Protein backbone atom coordinates (compact mmCIF):
# COMPACT_ATOMS: atom_id res chain seq x y z
CA MET A 1 45.44 135.07 49.76
CA THR A 2 46.11 137.19 52.83
CA LEU A 3 46.32 135.97 56.42
CA VAL A 4 45.83 138.33 59.37
CA VAL A 5 46.66 136.87 62.77
CA PHE A 6 45.60 138.63 65.96
CA ASP A 7 46.76 138.56 69.53
CA ILE A 8 43.91 138.38 72.06
CA ASP A 9 44.67 140.04 75.42
CA GLY A 10 45.18 143.77 74.98
CA THR A 11 44.55 143.60 71.23
CA LEU A 12 41.08 142.22 70.56
CA VAL A 13 39.91 141.84 74.16
CA ASP A 14 40.23 144.27 77.07
CA SER A 15 41.35 141.81 79.74
CA GLN A 16 43.92 143.99 81.49
CA ALA A 17 41.99 144.39 84.75
CA THR A 18 41.40 140.63 85.01
CA ILE A 19 45.03 139.73 84.33
CA VAL A 20 46.38 142.26 86.84
CA ALA A 21 43.93 141.17 89.54
CA CYS A 22 44.62 137.45 89.03
CA ALA A 23 48.39 137.93 89.09
CA ARG A 24 48.22 139.90 92.32
CA GLU A 25 45.89 137.33 93.90
CA ALA A 26 48.20 134.50 92.82
CA PHE A 27 51.28 136.06 94.39
CA ALA A 28 49.37 136.83 97.59
CA ALA A 29 48.12 133.22 97.75
CA ALA A 30 51.74 132.06 97.47
CA GLY A 31 52.74 134.32 100.36
CA LEU A 32 54.64 136.70 98.10
CA PRO A 33 54.36 140.48 97.66
CA PRO A 34 51.83 141.19 94.89
CA PRO A 35 53.46 142.72 91.79
CA GLU A 36 52.64 146.25 90.74
CA PRO A 37 50.06 146.56 87.93
CA GLU A 38 52.65 148.03 85.54
CA ALA A 39 54.91 145.01 86.09
CA VAL A 40 52.00 142.68 85.29
CA ARG A 41 51.17 144.58 82.10
CA ARG A 42 54.77 144.15 81.01
CA ILE A 43 54.51 140.34 80.98
CA VAL A 44 51.17 140.06 79.15
CA GLY A 45 51.64 137.98 76.02
CA LEU A 46 54.11 135.51 77.48
CA SER A 47 52.99 131.98 78.29
CA LEU A 48 51.73 131.70 81.87
CA PRO A 49 54.77 129.78 83.23
CA GLU A 50 57.18 132.22 81.57
CA ALA A 51 55.16 135.24 82.72
CA MET A 52 55.19 134.08 86.34
CA ARG A 53 58.92 133.36 86.14
CA VAL A 54 59.62 136.87 84.87
CA LEU A 55 57.36 138.45 87.50
CA LEU A 56 59.05 136.40 90.22
CA GLY A 57 62.37 137.91 89.21
CA ARG A 58 64.46 134.84 89.93
CA ASP A 59 65.06 131.37 88.53
CA ASP A 60 62.82 129.33 90.83
CA PRO A 61 60.75 126.91 88.70
CA GLU A 62 58.97 125.35 91.68
CA THR A 63 57.70 128.68 93.02
CA ALA A 64 56.85 129.95 89.54
CA SER A 65 54.81 126.80 88.90
CA ARG A 66 52.98 127.24 92.21
CA VAL A 67 52.16 130.88 91.43
CA ALA A 68 50.96 129.86 87.96
CA ARG A 69 48.61 127.33 89.56
CA PHE A 70 47.21 130.00 91.87
CA TYR A 71 46.77 132.28 88.85
CA ARG A 72 44.72 129.64 87.02
CA GLU A 73 42.56 129.15 90.11
CA ALA A 74 42.00 132.90 90.47
CA PHE A 75 41.16 133.25 86.80
CA CYS A 76 38.69 130.35 86.82
CA ALA A 77 36.99 131.79 89.90
CA ARG A 78 36.63 135.20 88.24
CA ARG A 79 35.33 133.69 85.02
CA ARG A 80 32.49 132.05 86.97
CA ARG A 81 31.39 135.35 88.52
CA PRO A 82 28.19 136.81 87.00
CA ASP A 83 29.81 140.24 86.77
CA HIS A 84 32.88 138.98 84.91
CA ASP A 85 33.46 141.00 81.76
CA GLU A 86 36.28 141.10 79.22
CA PRO A 87 34.82 143.22 76.41
CA LEU A 88 36.04 143.49 72.87
CA PHE A 89 37.85 146.71 72.12
CA PRO A 90 35.86 149.19 70.00
CA GLY A 91 35.89 148.25 66.35
CA ALA A 92 37.21 144.72 66.90
CA ARG A 93 34.08 142.89 65.80
CA GLU A 94 33.60 145.21 62.85
CA ILE A 95 37.13 144.76 61.47
CA LEU A 96 36.87 140.98 61.77
CA GLU A 97 33.58 141.04 59.85
CA LEU A 98 35.03 143.35 57.20
CA LEU A 99 38.17 141.29 56.63
CA ASP A 100 36.19 138.06 56.59
CA ALA A 101 33.84 139.51 53.98
CA ARG A 102 36.87 140.36 51.83
CA GLY A 103 37.99 136.74 51.93
CA VAL A 104 40.94 137.41 54.23
CA LEU A 105 41.94 134.43 56.37
CA LEU A 106 41.89 135.20 60.09
CA GLY A 107 43.87 133.60 62.88
CA VAL A 108 44.87 133.93 66.53
CA ALA A 109 48.26 133.59 68.22
CA THR A 110 48.00 134.10 71.97
CA GLY A 111 49.73 133.51 75.27
CA LYS A 112 46.50 131.90 76.48
CA ALA A 113 45.99 128.15 76.63
CA MET A 114 43.58 126.66 74.09
CA ARG A 115 40.88 126.16 76.72
CA GLY A 116 41.01 129.81 77.74
CA LEU A 117 41.05 131.01 74.15
CA ARG A 118 38.01 128.96 73.17
CA SER A 119 36.16 130.29 76.21
CA VAL A 120 36.83 133.90 75.16
CA LEU A 121 35.86 133.28 71.54
CA GLU A 122 32.64 131.52 72.51
CA ARG A 123 31.71 134.31 74.92
CA HIS A 124 31.94 136.82 72.09
CA GLY A 125 30.45 134.59 69.39
CA LEU A 126 33.71 134.49 67.43
CA GLU A 127 34.50 130.77 67.55
CA ARG A 128 33.80 130.32 63.81
CA ARG A 129 35.52 133.50 62.66
CA PHE A 130 39.09 132.16 62.75
CA VAL A 131 40.61 129.44 60.59
CA THR A 132 43.74 128.89 62.68
CA LEU A 133 44.18 129.06 66.46
CA GLN A 134 47.64 128.95 68.02
CA THR A 135 48.15 128.95 71.79
CA ALA A 136 51.02 128.98 74.26
CA ASP A 137 50.23 125.55 75.69
CA ARG A 138 51.06 124.03 72.30
CA HIS A 139 54.06 126.18 71.37
CA PRO A 140 57.06 127.91 72.90
CA SER A 141 56.23 131.25 74.50
CA LYS A 142 56.32 134.45 72.48
CA PRO A 143 58.50 135.90 71.03
CA HIS A 144 59.42 132.52 69.53
CA PRO A 145 57.88 132.46 66.01
CA SER A 146 56.44 128.94 66.33
CA MET A 147 52.80 130.05 66.56
CA LEU A 148 52.97 132.18 63.43
CA LEU A 149 54.93 129.57 61.51
CA ALA A 150 52.23 127.02 62.38
CA ALA A 151 49.44 129.42 61.37
CA MET A 152 51.05 129.96 57.97
CA ALA A 153 51.67 126.25 57.50
CA GLU A 154 48.02 125.45 58.30
CA THR A 155 46.66 128.04 55.88
CA GLY A 156 49.28 127.78 53.14
CA VAL A 157 49.96 131.52 53.23
CA GLU A 158 53.47 132.92 52.76
CA PRO A 159 55.11 135.36 55.21
CA GLY A 160 54.91 138.16 52.66
CA ASP A 161 51.12 137.84 52.66
CA THR A 162 50.75 137.62 56.44
CA LEU A 163 50.19 140.33 59.06
CA PHE A 164 50.30 139.96 62.82
CA VAL A 165 48.46 142.46 65.01
CA GLY A 166 49.47 142.74 68.66
CA ASP A 167 49.91 145.07 71.61
CA THR A 168 53.22 143.99 73.16
CA VAL A 169 56.90 143.98 72.33
CA PHE A 170 56.74 140.17 72.40
CA ASP A 171 54.15 140.30 69.60
CA ILE A 172 56.28 142.56 67.43
CA GLU A 173 59.40 140.47 68.03
CA MET A 174 57.51 137.27 67.18
CA ALA A 175 56.18 138.77 63.95
CA ARG A 176 59.62 139.91 62.88
CA ALA A 177 61.14 136.52 63.72
CA ALA A 178 58.50 134.85 61.54
CA GLY A 179 59.09 137.27 58.67
CA VAL A 180 55.55 138.69 58.67
CA LEU A 181 54.37 142.30 58.80
CA PRO A 182 54.33 143.45 62.47
CA VAL A 183 51.39 145.74 63.29
CA GLY A 184 51.00 147.27 66.74
CA VAL A 185 47.99 148.82 68.46
CA ARG A 186 48.11 151.94 70.62
CA TRP A 187 45.52 150.80 73.18
CA GLY A 188 47.20 147.71 74.66
CA ASN A 189 49.50 146.68 77.48
CA HIS A 190 52.81 148.07 76.17
CA PRO A 191 53.42 151.73 75.26
CA PRO A 192 53.30 152.52 71.52
CA GLU A 193 56.85 153.87 71.61
CA ASP A 194 58.08 150.48 72.84
CA LEU A 195 56.31 148.77 69.95
CA ALA A 196 57.90 151.19 67.50
CA SER A 197 61.34 150.56 68.99
CA ALA A 198 60.77 146.81 68.68
CA GLY A 199 60.15 147.22 64.95
CA ALA A 200 56.40 147.66 64.43
CA ALA A 201 55.85 148.59 60.79
CA HIS A 202 52.53 150.28 61.62
CA LEU A 203 50.77 151.47 64.78
CA LEU A 204 46.98 151.49 64.71
CA ASP A 205 45.03 154.30 66.35
CA ARG A 206 41.82 152.33 65.75
CA PHE A 207 40.90 149.01 64.18
CA ALA A 208 39.43 150.67 61.10
CA ASP A 209 42.98 151.71 60.13
CA LEU A 210 43.85 148.05 59.60
CA ALA A 211 41.57 147.87 56.56
CA ARG A 212 44.01 150.08 54.62
CA LEU A 213 46.88 147.67 55.23
CA VAL A 214 45.07 144.63 53.85
CA PRO A 215 44.47 144.25 50.10
CA ALA A 216 40.80 144.67 49.19
């Protein structure tokens, strides 16, 4: 049995514009200079408290917590807007359907909270596609391997039969720490060369390429 676990933001779902906008709004609401978009992209994948701490650039838990609260408020407000859109990347739905048809177990390990993850999956009609869901509100932040270790424990799949697909250095580091095959994508938040330097075993140009890495 094979298990393929996916990251969400920047891997399956194109949420970059939303994340950047919410982070900048959160800092502005806290009376702080909004971070540059590139700086925001660099922290995607971390849990929200850890991401805000890194963006803040100093050890100030109280301010980081306040900015995180403003981020949640900004995100919830955007999600209620009729024009809100976080589309799947091209080929995402098709590869999930293909792997599922092959009997491959599918999972998610994301920096989102469970509530946010379920909202995204429901919006795209994917809530029944995954057999294991791991989120940052129930685990240490990436790159700690806890989420992948839990996914393997829930499904009974060994590290040698598990792949993790992600778009950030944190994803690759988490996969390596868990002993699973780290697979990067070229269309996400971190540059492909950074993923390669972090130890990605493969870099996907498109989702269809993943089919060749998974036993038929």
